[in-house]
Amino acid sequence: EFEGAFALTFEVAHLLGRVEHGAALPH
């Protein structure tokens, strides 16, 4: 359960940075 939570939460953290700095994919 923890492995799933860790994977998802750090994906969101990385996604936040990409969106904020215009490096995100269109979706």
PDB file of all heavy atoms in Angstrom:
ATOM      1  N   GLU A   1       0.838  -1.204   0.000  1.00  0.00           N
ATOM      2  CA  GLU A   1       0.000   0.000   0.000  1.00  0.00           C
ATOM      3  C   GLU A   1       0.869   1.249   0.000  1.00  0.00           C
ATOM      4  O   GLU A   1       0.599   2.224  -0.718  1.00  0.00           O
ATOM      5  CB  GLU A   1      -0.907  -0.003   1.234  1.00  0.00           C
ATOM      6  CG  GLU A   1      -1.987  -1.065   1.221  1.00  0.00           C
ATOM      7  CD  GLU A   1      -3.127  -0.703   0.287  1.00  0.00           C
ATOM      8  OE1 GLU A   1      -3.643   0.417   0.368  1.00  0.00           O
ATOM      9  OE2 GLU A   1      -3.483  -1.560  -0.551  1.00  0.00           O
ATOM     10  N   PHE A   2       1.900   1.222   0.818  1.00  0.00           N
ATOM     11  CA  PHE A   2       2.808   2.371   0.892  1.00  0.00           C
ATOM     12  C   PHE A   2       3.505   2.605  -0.441  1.00  0.00           C
ATOM     13  O   PHE A   2       3.668   3.759  -0.869  1.00  0.00           O
ATOM     14  CB  PHE A   2       3.837   2.147   1.994  1.00  0.00           C
ATOM     15  CG  PHE A   2       4.969   3.135   1.952  1.00  0.00           C
ATOM     16  CD1 PHE A   2       4.773   4.445   2.354  1.00  0.00           C
ATOM     17  CD2 PHE A   2       6.221   2.770   1.469  1.00  0.00           C
ATOM     18  CE1 PHE A   2       5.802   5.374   2.297  1.00  0.00           C
ATOM     19  CE2 PHE A   2       7.250   3.682   1.414  1.00  0.00           C
ATOM     20  CZ  PHE A   2       7.050   4.993   1.833  1.00  0.00           C
ATOM     21  N   GLU A   3       3.936   1.539  -1.118  1.00  0.00           N
ATOM     22  CA  GLU A   3       4.620   1.694  -2.407  1.00  0.00           C
ATOM     23  C   GLU A   3       3.722   2.438  -3.399  1.00  0.00           C
ATOM     24  O   GLU A   3       4.180   3.306  -4.148  1.00  0.00           O
ATOM     25  CB  GLU A   3       5.004   0.329  -2.981  1.00  0.00           C
ATOM     26  CG  GLU A   3       5.996  -0.464  -2.159  1.00  0.00           C
ATOM     27  CD  GLU A   3       7.435  -0.068  -2.394  1.00  0.00           C
ATOM     28  OE1 GLU A   3       7.697   0.732  -3.311  1.00  0.00           O
ATOM     29  OE2 GLU A   3       8.310  -0.564  -1.660  1.00  0.00           O
ATOM     30  N   GLY A   4       2.437   2.099  -3.412  1.00  0.00           N
ATOM     31  CA  GLY A   4       1.517   2.790  -4.302  1.00  0.00           C
ATOM     32  C   GLY A   4       1.363   4.250  -3.944  1.00  0.00           C
ATOM     33  O   GLY A   4       1.357   5.128  -4.817  1.00  0.00           O
ATOM     34  N   ALA A   5       1.237   4.550  -2.643  1.00  0.00           N
ATOM     35  CA  ALA A   5       1.092   5.939  -2.202  1.00  0.00           C
ATOM     36  C   ALA A   5       2.346   6.747  -2.513  1.00  0.00           C
ATOM     37  O   ALA A   5       2.265   7.898  -2.961  1.00  0.00           O
ATOM     38  CB  ALA A   5       0.807   5.981  -0.703  1.00  0.00           C
ATOM     39  N   PHE A   6       3.502   6.164  -2.278  1.00  0.00           N
ATOM     40  CA  PHE A   6       4.772   6.842  -2.574  1.00  0.00           C
ATOM     41  C   PHE A   6       4.865   7.165  -4.063  1.00  0.00           C
ATOM     42  O   PHE A   6       5.199   8.305  -4.451  1.00  0.00           O
ATOM     43  CB  PHE A   6       5.939   5.952  -2.145  1.00  0.00           C
ATOM     44  CG  PHE A   6       7.299   6.547  -2.377  1.00  0.00           C
ATOM     45  CD1 PHE A   6       7.944   7.248  -1.369  1.00  0.00           C
ATOM     46  CD2 PHE A   6       7.951   6.403  -3.594  1.00  0.00           C
ATOM     47  CE1 PHE A   6       9.205   7.807  -1.574  1.00  0.00           C
ATOM     48  CE2 PHE A   6       9.203   6.955  -3.819  1.00  0.00           C
ATOM     49  CZ  PHE A   6       9.831   7.660  -2.802  1.00  0.00           C
ATOM     50  N   ALA A   7       4.567   6.185  -4.915  1.00  0.00           N
ATOM     51  CA  ALA A   7       4.672   6.385  -6.360  1.00  0.00           C
ATOM     52  C   ALA A   7       3.750   7.496  -6.843  1.00  0.00           C
ATOM     53  O   ALA A   7       4.155   8.384  -7.605  1.00  0.00           O
ATOM     54  CB  ALA A   7       4.353   5.071  -7.091  1.00  0.00           C
ATOM     55  N   LEU A   8       2.503   7.486  -6.376  1.00  0.00           N
ATOM     56  CA  LEU A   8       1.537   8.471  -6.840  1.00  0.00           C
ATOM     57  C   LEU A   8       1.870   9.867  -6.329  1.00  0.00           C
ATOM     58  O   LEU A   8       1.817  10.854  -7.073  1.00  0.00           O
ATOM     59  CB  LEU A   8       0.132   8.068  -6.389  1.00  0.00           C
ATOM     60  CG  LEU A   8      -1.009   9.007  -6.805  1.00  0.00           C
ATOM     61  CD1 LEU A   8      -1.049   9.186  -8.324  1.00  0.00           C
ATOM     62  CD2 LEU A   8      -2.348   8.488  -6.296  1.00  0.00           C
ATOM     63  N   THR A   9       2.242   9.980  -5.062  1.00  0.00           N
ATOM     64  CA  THR A   9       2.463  11.299  -4.474  1.00  0.00           C
ATOM     65  C   THR A   9       3.685  11.974  -5.084  1.00  0.00           C
ATOM     66  O   THR A   9       3.652  13.178  -5.389  1.00  0.00           O
ATOM     67  CB  THR A   9       2.609  11.181  -2.947  1.00  0.00           C
ATOM     68  OG1 THR A   9       1.488  10.478  -2.422  1.00  0.00           O
ATOM     69  CG2 THR A   9       2.663  12.551  -2.304  1.00  0.00           C
ATOM     70  N   PHE A  10       4.750  11.245  -5.280  1.00  0.00           N
ATOM     71  CA  PHE A  10       5.928  11.868  -5.882  1.00  0.00           C
ATOM     72  C   PHE A  10       5.725  12.124  -7.376  1.00  0.00           C
ATOM     73  O   PHE A  10       6.336  13.043  -7.936  1.00  0.00           O
ATOM     74  CB  PHE A  10       7.182  11.042  -5.613  1.00  0.00           C
ATOM     75  CG  PHE A  10       7.843  11.410  -4.313  1.00  0.00           C
ATOM     76  CD1 PHE A  10       7.630  10.654  -3.167  1.00  0.00           C
ATOM     77  CD2 PHE A  10       8.627  12.547  -4.210  1.00  0.00           C
ATOM     78  CE1 PHE A  10       8.210  11.014  -1.964  1.00  0.00           C
ATOM     79  CE2 PHE A  10       9.202  12.918  -3.013  1.00  0.00           C
ATOM     80  CZ  PHE A  10       8.996  12.152  -1.880  1.00  0.00           C
ATOM     81  N   GLU A  11       4.852  11.376  -8.029  1.00  0.00           N
ATOM     82  CA  GLU A  11       4.508  11.707  -9.407  1.00  0.00           C
ATOM     83  C   GLU A  11       3.791  13.053  -9.464  1.00  0.00           C
ATOM     84  O   GLU A  11       4.052  13.882 -10.335  1.00  0.00           O
ATOM     85  CB  GLU A  11       3.616  10.613 -10.001  1.00  0.00           C
ATOM     86  CG  GLU A  11       3.219  10.835 -11.452  1.00  0.00           C
ATOM     87  CD  GLU A  11       4.384  10.757 -12.424  1.00  0.00           C
ATOM     88  OE1 GLU A  11       5.394  10.103 -12.100  1.00  0.00           O
ATOM     89  OE2 GLU A  11       4.288  11.344 -13.523  1.00  0.00           O
ATOM     90  N   VAL A  12       2.883  13.292  -8.511  1.00  0.00           N
ATOM     91  CA  VAL A  12       2.184  14.578  -8.458  1.00  0.00           C
ATOM     92  C   VAL A  12       3.172  15.707  -8.168  1.00  0.00           C
ATOM     93  O   VAL A  12       3.080  16.796  -8.753  1.00  0.00           O
ATOM     94  CB  VAL A  12       1.059  14.522  -7.395  1.00  0.00           C
ATOM     95  CG1 VAL A  12       0.505  15.918  -7.117  1.00  0.00           C
ATOM     96  CG2 VAL A  12      -0.061  13.609  -7.877  1.00  0.00           C
ATOM     97  N   ALA A  13       4.122  15.465  -7.263  1.00  0.00           N
ATOM     98  CA  ALA A  13       5.121  16.493  -6.952  1.00  0.00           C
ATOM     99  C   ALA A  13       5.921  16.872  -8.194  1.00  0.00           C
ATOM    100  O   ALA A  13       6.142  18.058  -8.473  1.00  0.00           O
ATOM    101  CB  ALA A  13       6.058  15.988  -5.853  1.00  0.00           C
ATOM    102  N   HIS A  14       6.351  15.867  -8.949  1.00  0.00           N
ATOM    103  CA  HIS A  14       7.120  16.145 -10.169  1.00  0.00           C
ATOM    104  C   HIS A  14       6.244  16.828 -11.218  1.00  0.00           C
ATOM    105  O   HIS A  14       6.681  17.757 -11.914  1.00  0.00           O
ATOM    106  CB  HIS A  14       7.690  14.843 -10.713  1.00  0.00           C
ATOM    107  CG  HIS A  14       8.904  15.032 -11.557  1.00  0.00           C
ATOM    108  ND1 HIS A  14       9.544  14.008 -12.225  1.00  0.00           N
ATOM    109  CD2 HIS A  14       9.613  16.150 -11.880  1.00  0.00           C
ATOM    110  CE1 HIS A  14      10.586  14.479 -12.882  1.00  0.00           C
ATOM    111  NE2 HIS A  14      10.640  15.776 -12.704  1.00  0.00           N
ATOM    112  N   LEU A  15       5.008  16.390 -11.312  1.00  0.00           N
ATOM    113  CA  LEU A  15       4.067  16.975 -12.266  1.00  0.00           C
ATOM    114  C   LEU A  15       3.818  18.448 -11.954  1.00  0.00           C
ATOM    115  O   LEU A  15       3.751  19.292 -12.867  1.00  0.00           O
ATOM    116  CB  LEU A  15       2.755  16.186 -12.207  1.00  0.00           C
ATOM    117  CG  LEU A  15       1.629  16.597 -13.147  1.00  0.00           C
ATOM    118  CD1 LEU A  15       2.057  16.476 -14.601  1.00  0.00           C
ATOM    119  CD2 LEU A  15       0.396  15.727 -12.876  1.00  0.00           C
ATOM    120  N   LEU A  16       3.709  18.791 -10.672  1.00  0.00           N
ATOM    121  CA  LEU A  16       3.513  20.184 -10.277  1.00  0.00           C
ATOM    122  C   LEU A  16       4.639  21.064 -10.801  1.00  0.00           C
ATOM    123  O   LEU A  16       4.392  22.151 -11.345  1.00  0.00           O
ATOM    124  CB  LEU A  16       3.416  20.276  -8.753  1.00  0.00           C
ATOM    125  CG  LEU A  16       3.335  21.675  -8.140  1.00  0.00           C
ATOM    126  CD1 LEU A  16       2.084  22.414  -8.606  1.00  0.00           C
ATOM    127  CD2 LEU A  16       3.376  21.594  -6.607  1.00  0.00           C
ATOM    128  N   GLY A  17       5.864  20.621 -10.644  1.00  0.00           N
ATOM    129  CA  GLY A  17       6.993  21.406 -11.137  1.00  0.00           C
ATOM    130  C   GLY A  17       6.980  21.560 -12.647  1.00  0.00           C
ATOM    131  O   GLY A  17       7.275  22.642 -13.172  1.00  0.00           O
ATOM    132  N   ARG A  18       6.644  20.504 -13.355  1.00  0.00           N
ATOM    133  CA  ARG A  18       6.612  20.578 -14.825  1.00  0.00           C
ATOM    134  C   ARG A  18       5.524  21.547 -15.295  1.00  0.00           C
ATOM    135  O   ARG A  18       5.742  22.326 -16.232  1.00  0.00           O
ATOM    136  CB  ARG A  18       6.388  19.185 -15.416  1.00  0.00           C
ATOM    137  CG  ARG A  18       7.525  18.212 -15.148  1.00  0.00           C
ATOM    138  CD  ARG A  18       7.522  17.044 -16.122  1.00  0.00           C
ATOM    139  NE  ARG A  18       6.291  16.281 -16.105  1.00  0.00           N
ATOM    140  CZ  ARG A  18       6.025  15.266 -15.279  1.00  0.00           C
ATOM    141  NH1 ARG A  18       6.911  14.924 -14.353  1.00  0.00           N
ATOM    142  NH2 ARG A  18       4.887  14.600 -15.363  1.00  0.00           N
ATOM    143  N   VAL A  19       4.372  21.499 -14.647  1.00  0.00           N
ATOM    144  CA  VAL A  19       3.280  22.406 -15.037  1.00  0.00           C
ATOM    145  C   VAL A  19       3.653  23.853 -14.734  1.00  0.00           C
ATOM    146  O   VAL A  19       3.440  24.755 -15.558  1.00  0.00           O
ATOM    147  CB  VAL A  19       1.968  22.000 -14.329  1.00  0.00           C
ATOM    148  CG1 VAL A  19       0.905  23.073 -14.520  1.00  0.00           C
ATOM    149  CG2 VAL A  19       1.469  20.656 -14.867  1.00  0.00           C
ATOM    150  N   GLU A  20       4.216  24.093 -13.562  1.00  0.00           N
ATOM    151  CA  GLU A  20       4.560  25.462 -13.175  1.00  0.00           C
ATOM    152  C   GLU A  20       5.588  26.082 -14.107  1.00  0.00           C
ATOM    153  O   GLU A  20       5.576  27.304 -14.331  1.00  0.00           O
ATOM    154  CB  GLU A  20       5.101  25.479 -11.748  1.00  0.00           C
ATOM    155  CG  GLU A  20       4.044  25.299 -10.668  1.00  0.00           C
ATOM    156  CD  GLU A  20       4.614  25.386  -9.272  1.00  0.00           C
ATOM    157  OE1 GLU A  20       5.805  25.053  -9.074  1.00  0.00           O
ATOM    158  OE2 GLU A  20       3.859  25.771  -8.356  1.00  0.00           O
ATOM    159  N   HIS A  21       6.475  25.284 -14.669  1.00  0.00           N
ATOM    160  CA  HIS A  21       7.572  25.828 -15.470  1.00  0.00           C
ATOM    161  C   HIS A  21       7.413  25.569 -16.959  1.00  0.00           C
ATOM    162  O   HIS A  21       8.383  25.678 -17.718  1.00  0.00           O
ATOM    163  CB  HIS A  21       8.902  25.272 -14.960  1.00  0.00           C
ATOM    164  CG  HIS A  21       9.229  25.734 -13.576  1.00  0.00           C
ATOM    165  ND1 HIS A  21       9.647  27.014 -13.293  1.00  0.00           N
ATOM    166  CD2 HIS A  21       9.145  25.101 -12.376  1.00  0.00           C
ATOM    167  CE1 HIS A  21       9.824  27.145 -12.001  1.00  0.00           C
ATOM    168  NE2 HIS A  21       9.525  26.004 -11.418  1.00  0.00           N
ATOM    169  N   GLY A  22       6.182  25.246 -17.381  1.00  0.00           N
ATOM    170  CA  GLY A  22       5.899  25.129 -18.815  1.00  0.00           C
ATOM    171  C   GLY A  22       6.576  23.958 -19.486  1.00  0.00           C
ATOM    172  O   GLY A  22       6.748  23.956 -20.712  1.00  0.00           O
ATOM    173  N   ALA A  23       6.953  22.937 -18.720  1.00  0.00           N
ATOM    174  CA  ALA A  23       7.616  21.767 -19.299  1.00  0.00           C
ATOM    175  C   ALA A  23       6.676  20.572 -19.401  1.00  0.00           C
ATOM    176  O   ALA A  23       7.113  19.477 -19.778  1.00  0.00           O
ATOM    177  CB  ALA A  23       8.832  21.396 -18.451  1.00  0.00           C
ATOM    178  N   ALA A  24       5.396  20.768 -19.093  1.00  0.00           N
ATOM    179  CA  ALA A  24       4.445  19.658 -19.068  1.00  0.00           C
ATOM    180  C   ALA A  24       3.950  19.325 -20.461  1.00  0.00           C
ATOM    181  O   ALA A  24       3.942  20.175 -21.370  1.00  0.00           O
ATOM    182  CB  ALA A  24       3.266  20.012 -18.171  1.00  0.00           C
ATOM    183  N   LEU A  25       3.523  18.086 -20.648  1.00  0.00           N
ATOM    184  CA  LEU A  25       2.862  17.679 -21.877  1.00  0.00           C
ATOM    185  C   LEU A  25       1.480  18.328 -21.944  1.00  0.00           C
ATOM    186  O   LEU A  25       0.946  18.778 -20.919  1.00  0.00           O
ATOM    187  CB  LEU A  25       2.740  16.156 -21.920  1.00  0.00           C
ATOM    188  CG  LEU A  25       4.070  15.394 -21.943  1.00  0.00           C
ATOM    189  CD1 LEU A  25       3.822  13.885 -21.789  1.00  0.00           C
ATOM    190  CD2 LEU A  25       4.830  15.680 -23.230  1.00  0.00           C
ATOM    191  N   PRO A  26       0.858  18.384 -23.121  1.00  0.00           N
ATOM    192  CA  PRO A  26      -0.407  19.115 -23.252  1.00  0.00           C
ATOM    193  C   PRO A  26      -1.505  18.682 -22.286  1.00  0.00           C
ATOM    194  O   PRO A  26      -2.297  19.509 -21.836  1.00  0.00           O
ATOM    195  CB  PRO A  26      -0.804  18.841 -24.713  1.00  0.00           C
ATOM    196  CG  PRO A  26       0.500  18.639 -25.419  1.00  0.00           C
ATOM    197  CD  PRO A  26       1.379  17.925 -24.431  1.00  0.00           C
ATOM    198  N   HIS A  27      -1.553  17.406 -21.945  1.00  0.00           N
ATOM    199  CA  HIS A  27      -2.647  16.930 -21.095  1.00  0.00           C
ATOM    200  C   HIS A  27      -2.342  17.071 -19.592  1.00  0.00           C
ATOM    201  O   HIS A  27      -3.227  16.841 -18.765  1.00  0.00           O
ATOM    202  CB  HIS A  27      -2.937  15.454 -21.388  1.00  0.00           C
ATOM    203  CG  HIS A  27      -1.847  14.523 -20.944  1.00  0.00           C
ATOM    204  ND1 HIS A  27      -0.679  14.368 -21.649  1.00  0.00           N
ATOM    205  CD2 HIS A  27      -1.733  13.704 -19.856  1.00  0.00           C
ATOM    206  CE1 HIS A  27       0.108  13.494 -21.032  1.00  0.00           C
ATOM    207  NE2 HIS A  27      -0.513  13.084 -19.938  1.00  0.00           N
TER     208      HIS A  27
END
